[in-house]
Each structure stands twice: as C-alpha cells, then as structure tokens.
C-alpha cells in the first residue's frame, strides 16, 4: 500500500511574515515583560490578567488588592510565588563536562 505525501504550499509572503515574527520573538522585542522583578510579573498576571492593555491590567490588580479581607476570598486566594533563576551558562558548561548530567 502506497501512501501519498502531500506537499504543503506556503505562500512566500505569509512565510516571510512568520519568519519576521519568529525573529522578533527571538530578539524579545514583542514579549518583553513590563516588570523587572519576575515574582511581581507573575503576581500581576495572576491577579490582574494579561488582556486589555497595561492600564486596565493595573486597574484590575489594584481593585483585587483593595478588596476587604472577608470579600477577597470570593475573588482570589492566597498566593505564594517562588521564582528560581538558573545560571544557564553554568548549567550548560557542566552538562558538557559530565556524562550523567550531575546524577
């Protein structure tokens, strides 16, 4: 039994747009975080959401944090954020020198 392979046809204009978008993402231009602190970024996105622009995100965050303690439980729960930053260059240099990845 023979299986026919279909060839994908991608228009060159669409392909170039995808390539440009991927390059922007690689450079970090389009997804640069608003917050310098990683934990702040996670909390802001958890409580304020990520849609509606910066002003609306901060407005929702402010409203969420100003709820009275008894009412706040209906809208949000306690949140603990732990952010661990790994030294990628240290990890990659050690992974190359050890066959068992440190185990």
PDB file of N, CA and C in Angstrom:
ATOM      1  N   UNK A   1       0.843  -1.177   0.000  1.00  0.00           N
ATOM      2  CA  UNK A   1       0.000   0.000   0.000  1.00  0.00           C
ATOM      3  C   UNK A   1       0.891   1.244   0.000  1.00  0.00           C
ATOM      4  N   UNK A   2       0.648   2.108  -0.935  1.00  0.00           N
ATOM      5  CA  UNK A   2       1.429   3.338  -1.048  1.00  0.00           C
ATOM      6  C   UNK A   2       0.681   4.491  -0.398  1.00  0.00           C
ATOM      7  N   UNK A   3       1.419   5.293   0.298  1.00  0.00           N
ATOM      8  CA  UNK A   3       0.841   6.476   0.927  1.00  0.00           C
ATOM      9  C   UNK A   3       1.339   7.688   0.165  1.00  0.00           C
ATOM     10  N   UNK A   4       0.406   8.497  -0.279  1.00  0.00           N
ATOM     11  CA  UNK A   4       0.790   9.715  -0.986  1.00  0.00           C
ATOM     12  C   UNK A   4       1.154  10.788   0.026  1.00  0.00           C
ATOM     13  N   UNK A   5       2.253  11.431  -0.228  1.00  0.00           N
ATOM     14  CA  UNK A   5       2.666  12.538   0.624  1.00  0.00           C
ATOM     15  C   UNK A   5       2.181  13.828  -0.003  1.00  0.00           C
ATOM     16  N   UNK A   6       1.514  14.621   0.801  1.00  0.00           N
ATOM     17  CA  UNK A   6       1.073  15.925   0.318  1.00  0.00           C
ATOM     18  C   UNK A   6       2.144  16.946   0.641  1.00  0.00           C
ATOM     19  N   UNK A   7       2.376  17.777  -0.287  1.00  0.00           N
ATOM     20  CA  UNK A   7       3.344  18.836  -0.089  1.00  0.00           C
ATOM     21  C   UNK A   7       2.618  20.084   0.393  1.00  0.00           C
ATOM     22  N   UNK A   8       3.100  20.662   1.466  1.00  0.00           N
ATOM     23  CA  UNK A   8       2.480  21.875   1.979  1.00  0.00           C
ATOM     24  C   UNK A   8       2.844  23.048   1.087  1.00  0.00           C
ATOM     25  N   UNK A   9       1.854  23.829   0.763  1.00  0.00           N
ATOM     26  CA  UNK A   9       2.160  25.024  -0.019  1.00  0.00           C
ATOM     27  C   UNK A   9       2.022  26.236   0.892  1.00  0.00           C
ATOM     28  N   UNK A  10       3.108  26.930   1.044  1.00  0.00           N
ATOM     29  CA  UNK A  10       3.126  28.127   1.871  1.00  0.00           C
ATOM     30  C   UNK A  10       3.440  29.300   0.963  1.00  0.00           C
ATOM     31  N   UNK A  11       2.569  30.272   1.022  1.00  0.00           N
ATOM     32  CA  UNK A  11       2.814  31.460   0.210  1.00  0.00           C
ATOM     33  C   UNK A  11       4.037  32.180   0.766  1.00  0.00           C
ATOM     34  N   UNK A  12       4.865  32.666  -0.124  1.00  0.00           N
ATOM     35  CA  UNK A  12       6.120  33.281   0.307  1.00  0.00           C
ATOM     36  C   UNK A  12       5.879  34.507   1.185  1.00  0.00           C
ATOM     37  N   UNK A  13       4.802  35.249   0.925  1.00  0.00           N
ATOM     38  CA  UNK A  13       4.506  36.428   1.730  1.00  0.00           C
ATOM     39  C   UNK A  13       4.164  36.016   3.162  1.00  0.00           C
ATOM     40  N   UNK A  14       3.328  34.990   3.305  1.00  0.00           N
ATOM     41  CA  UNK A  14       2.965  34.502   4.632  1.00  0.00           C
ATOM     42  C   UNK A  14       4.187  33.943   5.349  1.00  0.00           C
ATOM     43  N   UNK A  15       5.002  33.218   4.621  1.00  0.00           N
ATOM     44  CA  UNK A  15       6.203  32.633   5.208  1.00  0.00           C
ATOM     45  C   UNK A  15       7.153  33.718   5.703  1.00  0.00           C
ATOM     46  N   UNK A  16       7.305  34.781   4.930  1.00  0.00           N
ATOM     47  CA  UNK A  16       8.202  35.854   5.357  1.00  0.00           C
ATOM     48  C   UNK A  16       7.663  36.553   6.600  1.00  0.00           C
ATOM     49  N   UNK A  17       6.329  36.675   6.721  1.00  0.00           N
ATOM     50  CA  UNK A  17       5.742  37.269   7.924  1.00  0.00           C
ATOM     51  C   UNK A  17       5.998  36.392   9.145  1.00  0.00           C
ATOM     52  N   UNK A  18       5.867  35.097   8.965  1.00  0.00           N
ATOM     53  CA  UNK A  18       6.136  34.163  10.060  1.00  0.00           C
ATOM     54  C   UNK A  18       7.600  34.253  10.473  1.00  0.00           C
ATOM     55  N   UNK A  19       8.491  34.305   9.498  1.00  0.00           N
ATOM     56  CA  UNK A  19       9.923  34.407   9.797  1.00  0.00           C
ATOM     57  C   UNK A  19      10.242  35.697  10.554  1.00  0.00           C
ATOM     58  N   UNK A  20       9.634  36.798  10.128  1.00  0.00           N
ATOM     59  CA  UNK A  20       9.864  38.075  10.813  1.00  0.00           C
ATOM     60  C   UNK A  20       9.341  38.028  12.243  1.00  0.00           C
ATOM     61  N   UNK A  21       8.156  37.429  12.431  1.00  0.00           N
ATOM     62  CA  UNK A  21       7.585  37.312  13.770  1.00  0.00           C
ATOM     63  C   UNK A  21       8.469  36.455  14.668  1.00  0.00           C
ATOM     64  N   UNK A  22       8.965  35.355  14.132  1.00  0.00           N
ATOM     65  CA  UNK A  22       9.853  34.493  14.913  1.00  0.00           C
ATOM     66  C   UNK A  22      11.148  35.211  15.277  1.00  0.00           C
ATOM     67  N   UNK A  23      11.657  35.992  14.365  1.00  0.00           N
ATOM     68  CA  UNK A  23      12.884  36.742  14.643  1.00  0.00           C
ATOM     69  C   UNK A  23      12.648  37.780  15.744  1.00  0.00           C
ATOM     70  N   UNK A  24      11.488  38.477  15.701  1.00  0.00           N
ATOM     71  CA  UNK A  24      11.155  39.444  16.749  1.00  0.00           C
ATOM     72  C   UNK A  24      11.035  38.750  18.104  1.00  0.00           C
ATOM     73  N   UNK A  25      10.396  37.596  18.112  1.00  0.00           N
ATOM     74  CA  UNK A  25      10.263  36.848  19.368  1.00  0.00           C
ATOM     75  C   UNK A  25      11.624  36.430  19.894  1.00  0.00           C
ATOM     76  N   UNK A  26      12.473  36.005  18.974  1.00  0.00           N
ATOM     77  CA  UNK A  26      13.819  35.583  19.366  1.00  0.00           C
ATOM     78  C   UNK A  26      14.571  36.745  20.007  1.00  0.00           C
ATOM     79  N   UNK A  27      14.410  37.910  19.464  1.00  0.00           N
ATOM     80  CA  UNK A  27      15.088  39.085  19.995  1.00  0.00           C
ATOM     81  C   UNK A  27      14.397  39.624  21.240  1.00  0.00           C
ATOM     82  N   UNK A  28      13.176  39.159  21.497  1.00  0.00           N
ATOM     83  CA  UNK A  28      12.465  39.570  22.700  1.00  0.00           C
ATOM     84  C   UNK A  28      11.780  40.912  22.587  1.00  0.00           C
ATOM     85  N   UNK A  29      11.619  41.427  21.374  1.00  0.00           N
ATOM     86  CA  UNK A  29      11.018  42.742  21.204  1.00  0.00           C
ATOM     87  C   UNK A  29       9.528  42.746  21.524  1.00  0.00           C
ATOM     88  N   UNK A  30       8.811  41.716  21.093  1.00  0.00           N
ATOM     89  CA  UNK A  30       7.359  41.757  21.211  1.00  0.00           C
ATOM     90  C   UNK A  30       6.841  41.239  22.548  1.00  0.00           C
ATOM     91  N   UNK A  31       7.627  40.500  23.294  1.00  0.00           N
ATOM     92  CA  UNK A  31       7.156  39.914  24.545  1.00  0.00           C
ATOM     93  C   UNK A  31       8.000  40.345  25.744  1.00  0.00           C
ATOM     94  N   UNK A  32       8.547  41.519  25.689  1.00  0.00           N
ATOM     95  CA  UNK A  32       9.375  41.987  26.781  1.00  0.00           C
ATOM     96  C   UNK A  32       8.488  42.236  28.004  1.00  0.00           C
ATOM     97  N   UNK A  33       8.818  41.655  29.156  1.00  0.00           N
ATOM     98  CA  UNK A  33       7.988  41.831  30.351  1.00  0.00           C
ATOM     99  C   UNK A  33       7.938  43.284  30.804  1.00  0.00           C
ATOM    100  N   UNK A  34       6.800  43.672  31.370  1.00  0.00           N
ATOM    101  CA  UNK A  34       6.643  45.029  31.880  1.00  0.00           C
ATOM    102  C   UNK A  34       7.376  45.207  33.204  1.00  0.00           C
ATOM    103  N   UNK A  35       7.494  44.125  33.949  1.00  0.00           N
ATOM    104  CA  UNK A  35       8.088  44.183  35.276  1.00  0.00           C
ATOM    105  C   UNK A  35       9.521  43.666  35.242  1.00  0.00           C
ATOM    106  N   UNK A  36      10.393  44.332  35.984  1.00  0.00           N
ATOM    107  CA  UNK A  36      11.774  43.866  36.066  1.00  0.00           C
ATOM    108  C   UNK A  36      11.893  42.679  37.009  1.00  0.00           C
ATOM    109  N   UNK A  37      11.029  42.621  38.020  1.00  0.00           N
ATOM    110  CA  UNK A  37      11.055  41.550  39.002  1.00  0.00           C
ATOM    111  C   UNK A  37      10.158  40.413  38.533  1.00  0.00           C
ATOM    112  N   UNK A  38      10.687  39.213  38.447  1.00  0.00           N
ATOM    113  CA  UNK A  38       9.933  38.062  37.932  1.00  0.00           C
ATOM    114  C   UNK A  38       8.727  37.722  38.797  1.00  0.00           C
ATOM    115  N   UNK A  39       8.877  37.775  40.120  1.00  0.00           N
ATOM    116  CA  UNK A  39       7.762  37.455  41.016  1.00  0.00           C
ATOM    117  C   UNK A  39       6.639  38.477  40.866  1.00  0.00           C
ATOM    118  N   UNK A  40       6.987  39.748  40.748  1.00  0.00           N
ATOM    119  CA  UNK A  40       5.984  40.790  40.533  1.00  0.00           C
ATOM    120  C   UNK A  40       5.243  40.546  39.231  1.00  0.00           C
ATOM    121  N   UNK A  41       5.955  40.151  38.214  1.00  0.00           N
ATOM    122  CA  UNK A  41       5.351  39.868  36.913  1.00  0.00           C
ATOM    123  C   UNK A  41       4.330  38.732  37.022  1.00  0.00           C
ATOM    124  N   UNK A  42       4.699  37.658  37.724  1.00  0.00           N
ATOM    125  CA  UNK A  42       3.799  36.510  37.882  1.00  0.00           C
ATOM    126  C   UNK A  42       2.555  36.910  38.670  1.00  0.00           C
ATOM    127  N   UNK A  43       2.728  37.638  39.772  1.00  0.00           N
ATOM    128  CA  UNK A  43       1.589  38.047  40.600  1.00  0.00           C
ATOM    129  C   UNK A  43       0.682  39.002  39.839  1.00  0.00           C
ATOM    130  N   UNK A  44       1.267  39.968  39.145  1.00  0.00           N
ATOM    131  CA  UNK A  44       0.447  40.924  38.392  1.00  0.00           C
ATOM    132  C   UNK A  44      -0.390  40.206  37.343  1.00  0.00           C
ATOM    133  N   UNK A  45       0.199  39.234  36.661  1.00  0.00           N
ATOM    134  CA  UNK A  45      -0.546  38.497  35.644  1.00  0.00           C
ATOM    135  C   UNK A  45      -1.587  37.580  36.263  1.00  0.00           C
ATOM    136  N   UNK A  46      -1.310  37.023  37.430  1.00  0.00           N
ATOM    137  CA  UNK A  46      -2.272  36.143  38.094  1.00  0.00           C
ATOM    138  C   UNK A  46      -3.483  36.922  38.601  1.00  0.00           C
ATOM    139  N   UNK A  47      -3.264  38.089  39.166  1.00  0.00           N
ATOM    140  CA  UNK A  47      -4.366  38.857  39.748  1.00  0.00           C
ATOM    141  C   UNK A  47      -5.006  39.834  38.774  1.00  0.00           C
ATOM    142  N   UNK A  48      -4.212  40.415  37.902  1.00  0.00           N
ATOM    143  CA  UNK A  48      -4.743  41.448  37.021  1.00  0.00           C
ATOM    144  C   UNK A  48      -5.060  40.981  35.622  1.00  0.00           C
ATOM    145  N   UNK A  49      -4.677  39.773  35.287  1.00  0.00           N
ATOM    146  CA  UNK A  49      -4.905  39.289  33.932  1.00  0.00           C
ATOM    147  C   UNK A  49      -3.884  39.850  32.973  1.00  0.00           C
ATOM    148  N   UNK A  50      -3.955  39.400  31.730  1.00  0.00           N
ATOM    149  CA  UNK A  50      -2.976  39.828  30.734  1.00  0.00           C
ATOM    150  C   UNK A  50      -3.614  40.519  29.537  1.00  0.00           C
ATOM    151  N   UNK A  51      -4.915  40.719  29.589  1.00  0.00           N
ATOM    152  CA  UNK A  51      -5.581  41.337  28.441  1.00  0.00           C
ATOM    153  C   UNK A  51      -6.025  42.753  28.783  1.00  0.00           C
ATOM    154  N   UNK A  52      -6.243  43.539  27.761  1.00  0.00           N
ATOM    155  CA  UNK A  52      -6.824  44.856  27.939  1.00  0.00           C
ATOM    156  C   UNK A  52      -5.849  46.002  28.076  1.00  0.00           C
ATOM    157  N   UNK A  53      -4.599  45.776  27.860  1.00  0.00           N
ATOM    158  CA  UNK A  53      -3.637  46.864  27.948  1.00  0.00           C
ATOM    159  C   UNK A  53      -3.108  47.048  29.361  1.00  0.00           C
ATOM    160  N   UNK A  54      -2.026  47.779  29.472  1.00  0.00           N
ATOM    161  CA  UNK A  54      -1.327  47.947  30.742  1.00  0.00           C
ATOM    162  C   UNK A  54      -2.193  48.650  31.776  1.00  0.00           C
ATOM    163  N   UNK A  55      -2.864  49.726  31.382  1.00  0.00           N
ATOM    164  CA  UNK A  55      -3.663  50.492  32.336  1.00  0.00           C
ATOM    165  C   UNK A  55      -4.773  49.641  32.938  1.00  0.00           C
ATOM    166  N   UNK A  56      -5.467  48.875  32.098  1.00  0.00           N
ATOM    167  CA  UNK A  56      -6.556  48.022  32.576  1.00  0.00           C
ATOM    168  C   UNK A  56      -6.025  46.898  33.462  1.00  0.00           C
ATOM    169  N   UNK A  57      -4.871  46.346  33.125  1.00  0.00           N
ATOM    170  CA  UNK A  57      -4.271  45.298  33.957  1.00  0.00           C
ATOM    171  C   UNK A  57      -3.987  45.820  35.362  1.00  0.00           C
ATOM    172  N   UNK A  58      -3.377  46.999  35.443  1.00  0.00           N
ATOM    173  CA  UNK A  58      -3.058  47.563  36.751  1.00  0.00           C
ATOM    174  C   UNK A  58      -4.319  47.984  37.505  1.00  0.00           C
ATOM    175  N   UNK A  59      -5.333  48.444  36.802  1.00  0.00           N
ATOM    176  CA  UNK A  59      -6.603  48.802  37.455  1.00  0.00           C
ATOM    177  C   UNK A  59      -7.243  47.565  38.080  1.00  0.00           C
ATOM    178  N   UNK A  60      -7.277  46.451  37.336  1.00  0.00           N
ATOM    179  CA  UNK A  60      -7.834  45.206  37.883  1.00  0.00           C
ATOM    180  C   UNK A  60      -7.012  44.716  39.066  1.00  0.00           C
ATOM    181  N   UNK A  61      -5.698  44.823  38.975  1.00  0.00           N
ATOM    182  CA  UNK A  61      -4.826  44.408  40.072  1.00  0.00           C
ATOM    183  C   UNK A  61      -5.099  45.253  41.313  1.00  0.00           C
ATOM    184  N   UNK A  62      -5.211  46.561  41.123  1.00  0.00           N
ATOM    185  CA  UNK A  62      -5.476  47.470  42.240  1.00  0.00           C
ATOM    186  C   UNK A  62      -6.811  47.141  42.898  1.00  0.00           C
ATOM    187  N   UNK A  63      -7.848  46.920  42.080  1.00  0.00           N
ATOM    188  CA  UNK A  63      -9.164  46.577  42.621  1.00  0.00           C
ATOM    189  C   UNK A  63      -9.117  45.261  43.385  1.00  0.00           C
ATOM    190  N   UNK A  64      -8.407  44.286  42.856  1.00  0.00           N
ATOM    191  CA  UNK A  64      -8.303  42.980  43.500  1.00  0.00           C
ATOM    192  C   UNK A  64      -7.596  43.075  44.850  1.00  0.00           C
ATOM    193  N   UNK A  65      -6.566  43.891  44.931  1.00  0.00           N
ATOM    194  CA  UNK A  65      -5.806  44.021  46.173  1.00  0.00           C
ATOM    195  C   UNK A  65      -6.512  44.884  47.210  1.00  0.00           C
ATOM    196  N   UNK A  66      -7.485  45.711  46.790  1.00  0.00           N
ATOM    197  CA  UNK A  66      -8.193  46.585  47.719  1.00  0.00           C
ATOM    198  C   UNK A  66      -9.474  45.970  48.275  1.00  0.00           C
ATOM    199  N   UNK A  67      -9.800  44.751  47.877  1.00  0.00           N
ATOM    200  CA  UNK A  67     -10.998  44.101  48.403  1.00  0.00           C
ATOM    201  C   UNK A  67     -10.832  43.840  49.897  1.00  0.00           C
ATOM    202  N   UNK A  68     -11.918  44.034  50.685  1.00  0.00           N
ATOM    203  CA  UNK A  68     -11.838  43.743  52.119  1.00  0.00           C
ATOM    204  C   UNK A  68     -11.562  42.261  52.352  1.00  0.00           C
ATOM    205  N   UNK A  69     -10.893  41.909  53.464  1.00  0.00           N
ATOM    206  CA  UNK A  69     -10.500  40.518  53.715  1.00  0.00           C
ATOM    207  C   UNK A  69     -11.633  39.498  53.590  1.00  0.00           C
ATOM    208  N   UNK A  70     -12.806  39.775  54.107  1.00  0.00           N
ATOM    209  CA  UNK A  70     -13.907  38.816  54.018  1.00  0.00           C
ATOM    210  C   UNK A  70     -14.383  38.601  52.593  1.00  0.00           C
ATOM    211  N   UNK A  71     -14.365  39.644  51.800  1.00  0.00           N
ATOM    212  CA  UNK A  71     -14.842  39.574  50.422  1.00  0.00           C
ATOM    213  C   UNK A  71     -13.756  39.058  49.472  1.00  0.00           C
ATOM    214  N   UNK A  72     -12.510  39.298  49.812  1.00  0.00           N
ATOM    215  CA  UNK A  72     -11.402  38.932  48.925  1.00  0.00           C
ATOM    216  C   UNK A  72     -11.361  37.436  48.641  1.00  0.00           C
ATOM    217  N   UNK A  73     -11.756  36.619  49.619  1.00  0.00           N
ATOM    218  CA  UNK A  73     -11.743  35.157  49.441  1.00  0.00           C
ATOM    219  C   UNK A  73     -12.649  34.699  48.306  1.00  0.00           C
ATOM    220  N   UNK A  74     -13.668  35.475  47.996  1.00  0.00           N
ATOM    221  CA  UNK A  74     -14.579  35.104  46.909  1.00  0.00           C
ATOM    222  C   UNK A  74     -13.960  35.375  45.536  1.00  0.00           C
ATOM    223  N   UNK A  75     -12.921  36.196  45.495  1.00  0.00           N
ATOM    224  CA  UNK A  75     -12.317  36.591  44.225  1.00  0.00           C
ATOM    225  C   UNK A  75     -10.912  36.041  44.008  1.00  0.00           C
ATOM    226  N   UNK A  76     -10.186  35.859  45.092  1.00  0.00           N
ATOM    227  CA  UNK A  76      -8.813  35.370  44.965  1.00  0.00           C
ATOM    228  C   UNK A  76      -8.447  34.599  46.225  1.00  0.00           C
ATOM    229  N   UNK A  77      -7.425  33.785  46.106  1.00  0.00           N
ATOM    230  CA  UNK A  77      -6.926  33.007  47.232  1.00  0.00           C
ATOM    231  C   UNK A  77      -5.519  33.492  47.559  1.00  0.00           C
ATOM    232  N   UNK A  78      -4.963  32.970  48.635  1.00  0.00           N
ATOM    233  CA  UNK A  78      -3.584  33.324  48.972  1.00  0.00           C
ATOM    234  C   UNK A  78      -2.663  32.841  47.857  1.00  0.00           C
ATOM    235  N   UNK A  79      -1.664  33.640  47.573  1.00  0.00           N
ATOM    236  CA  UNK A  79      -0.727  33.293  46.511  1.00  0.00           C
ATOM    237  C   UNK A  79       0.690  33.384  47.064  1.00  0.00           C
ATOM    238  N   UNK A  80       1.455  32.359  46.814  1.00  0.00           N
ATOM    239  CA  UNK A  80       2.882  32.375  47.115  1.00  0.00           C
ATOM    240  C   UNK A  80       3.614  32.146  45.803  1.00  0.00           C
ATOM    241  N   UNK A  81       4.553  33.005  45.513  1.00  0.00           N
ATOM    242  CA  UNK A  81       5.316  32.879  44.278  1.00  0.00           C
ATOM    243  C   UNK A  81       6.781  32.665  44.636  1.00  0.00           C
ATOM    244  N   UNK A  82       7.343  31.609  44.094  1.00  0.00           N
ATOM    245  CA  UNK A  82       8.769  31.340  44.247  1.00  0.00           C
ATOM    246  C   UNK A  82       9.354  31.283  42.840  1.00  0.00           C
ATOM    247  N   UNK A  83      10.304  32.145  42.578  1.00  0.00           N
ATOM    248  CA  UNK A  83      10.940  32.194  41.260  1.00  0.00           C
ATOM    249  C   UNK A  83      12.389  31.767  41.422  1.00  0.00           C
ATOM    250  N   UNK A  84      12.788  30.802  40.625  1.00  0.00           N
ATOM    251  CA  UNK A  84      14.168  30.321  40.657  1.00  0.00           C
ATOM    252  C   UNK A  84      14.806  30.637  39.310  1.00  0.00           C
ATOM    253  N   UNK A  85      15.878  31.387  39.343  1.00  0.00           N
ATOM    254  CA  UNK A  85      16.625  31.698  38.124  1.00  0.00           C
ATOM    255  C   UNK A  85      17.838  30.780  38.065  1.00  0.00           C
ATOM    256  N   UNK A  86      17.973  30.082  36.968  1.00  0.00           N
ATOM    257  CA  UNK A  86      19.115  29.199  36.776  1.00  0.00           C
ATOM    258  C   UNK A  86      20.168  29.905  35.943  1.00  0.00           C
ATOM    259  N   UNK A  87      21.414  29.703  36.288  1.00  0.00           N
ATOM    260  CA  UNK A  87      22.523  30.240  35.523  1.00  0.00           C
ATOM    261  C   UNK A  87      22.731  29.309  34.330  1.00  0.00           C
ATOM    262  N   UNK A  88      22.181  29.680  33.185  1.00  0.00           N
ATOM    263  CA  UNK A  88      22.202  28.807  32.013  1.00  0.00           C
ATOM    264  C   UNK A  88      23.612  28.488  31.534  1.00  0.00           C
ATOM    265  N   UNK A  89      24.502  29.462  31.585  1.00  0.00           N
ATOM    266  CA  UNK A  89      25.867  29.197  31.114  1.00  0.00           C
ATOM    267  C   UNK A  89      26.566  28.203  32.040  1.00  0.00           C
ATOM    268  N   UNK A  90      26.323  28.305  33.351  1.00  0.00           N
ATOM    269  CA  UNK A  90      26.906  27.354  34.303  1.00  0.00           C
ATOM    270  C   UNK A  90      26.350  25.956  34.062  1.00  0.00           C
ATOM    271  N   UNK A  91      25.040  25.852  33.882  1.00  0.00           N
ATOM    272  CA  UNK A  91      24.422  24.549  33.662  1.00  0.00           C
ATOM    273  C   UNK A  91      24.905  23.908  32.367  1.00  0.00           C
ATOM    274  N   UNK A  92      24.979  24.692  31.295  1.00  0.00           N
ATOM    275  CA  UNK A  92      25.394  24.118  30.015  1.00  0.00           C
ATOM    276  C   UNK A  92      26.865  23.713  30.033  1.00  0.00           C
ATOM    277  N   UNK A  93      27.719  24.476  30.705  1.00  0.00           N
ATOM    278  CA  UNK A  93      29.138  24.105  30.756  1.00  0.00           C
ATOM    279  C   UNK A  93      29.340  22.848  31.595  1.00  0.00           C
ATOM    280  N   UNK A  94      28.578  22.681  32.668  1.00  0.00           N
ATOM    281  CA  UNK A  94      28.688  21.473  33.488  1.00  0.00           C
ATOM    282  C   UNK A  94      28.060  20.271  32.799  1.00  0.00           C
ATOM    283  N   UNK A  95      27.013  20.471  32.044  1.00  0.00           N
ATOM    284  CA  UNK A  95      26.368  19.364  31.338  1.00  0.00           C
ATOM    285  C   UNK A  95      27.299  18.800  30.274  1.00  0.00           C
ATOM    286  N   UNK A  96      28.092  19.660  29.647  1.00  0.00           N
ATOM    287  CA  UNK A  96      29.028  19.202  28.623  1.00  0.00           C
ATOM    288  C   UNK A  96      30.180  18.412  29.235  1.00  0.00           C
ATOM    289  N   UNK A  97      30.587  18.777  30.461  1.00  0.00           N
ATOM    290  CA  UNK A  97      31.732  18.109  31.078  1.00  0.00           C
ATOM    291  C   UNK A  97      31.357  16.819  31.796  1.00  0.00           C
ATOM    292  N   UNK A  98      30.073  16.645  32.136  1.00  0.00           N
ATOM    293  CA  UNK A  98      29.633  15.435  32.825  1.00  0.00           C
ATOM    294  C   UNK A  98      28.727  14.619  31.916  1.00  0.00           C
ATOM    295  N   UNK A  99      28.950  13.317  31.884  1.00  0.00           N
ATOM    296  CA  UNK A  99      28.132  12.441  31.045  1.00  0.00           C
ATOM    297  C   UNK A  99      26.764  12.178  31.645  1.00  0.00           C
ATOM    298  N   UNK A 100      26.633  12.286  32.957  1.00  0.00           N
ATOM    299  CA  UNK A 100      25.398  11.893  33.622  1.00  0.00           C
ATOM    300  C   UNK A 100      24.569  13.088  34.071  1.00  0.00           C
ATOM    301  N   UNK A 101      24.824  14.258  33.567  1.00  0.00           N
ATOM    302  CA  UNK A 101      24.075  15.472  33.895  1.00  0.00           C
ATOM    303  C   UNK A 101      24.018  15.718  35.398  1.00  0.00           C
ATOM    304  N   UNK A 102      25.071  15.399  36.102  1.00  0.00           N
ATOM    305  CA  UNK A 102      25.137  15.672  37.529  1.00  0.00           C
ATOM    306  C   UNK A 102      24.529  14.610  38.413  1.00  0.00           C
ATOM    307  N   UNK A 103      24.083  13.484  37.856  1.00  0.00           N
ATOM    308  CA  UNK A 103      23.481  12.420  38.682  1.00  0.00           C
ATOM    309  C   UNK A 103      24.453  11.284  38.867  1.00  0.00           C
TER     310      UNK A 103
END
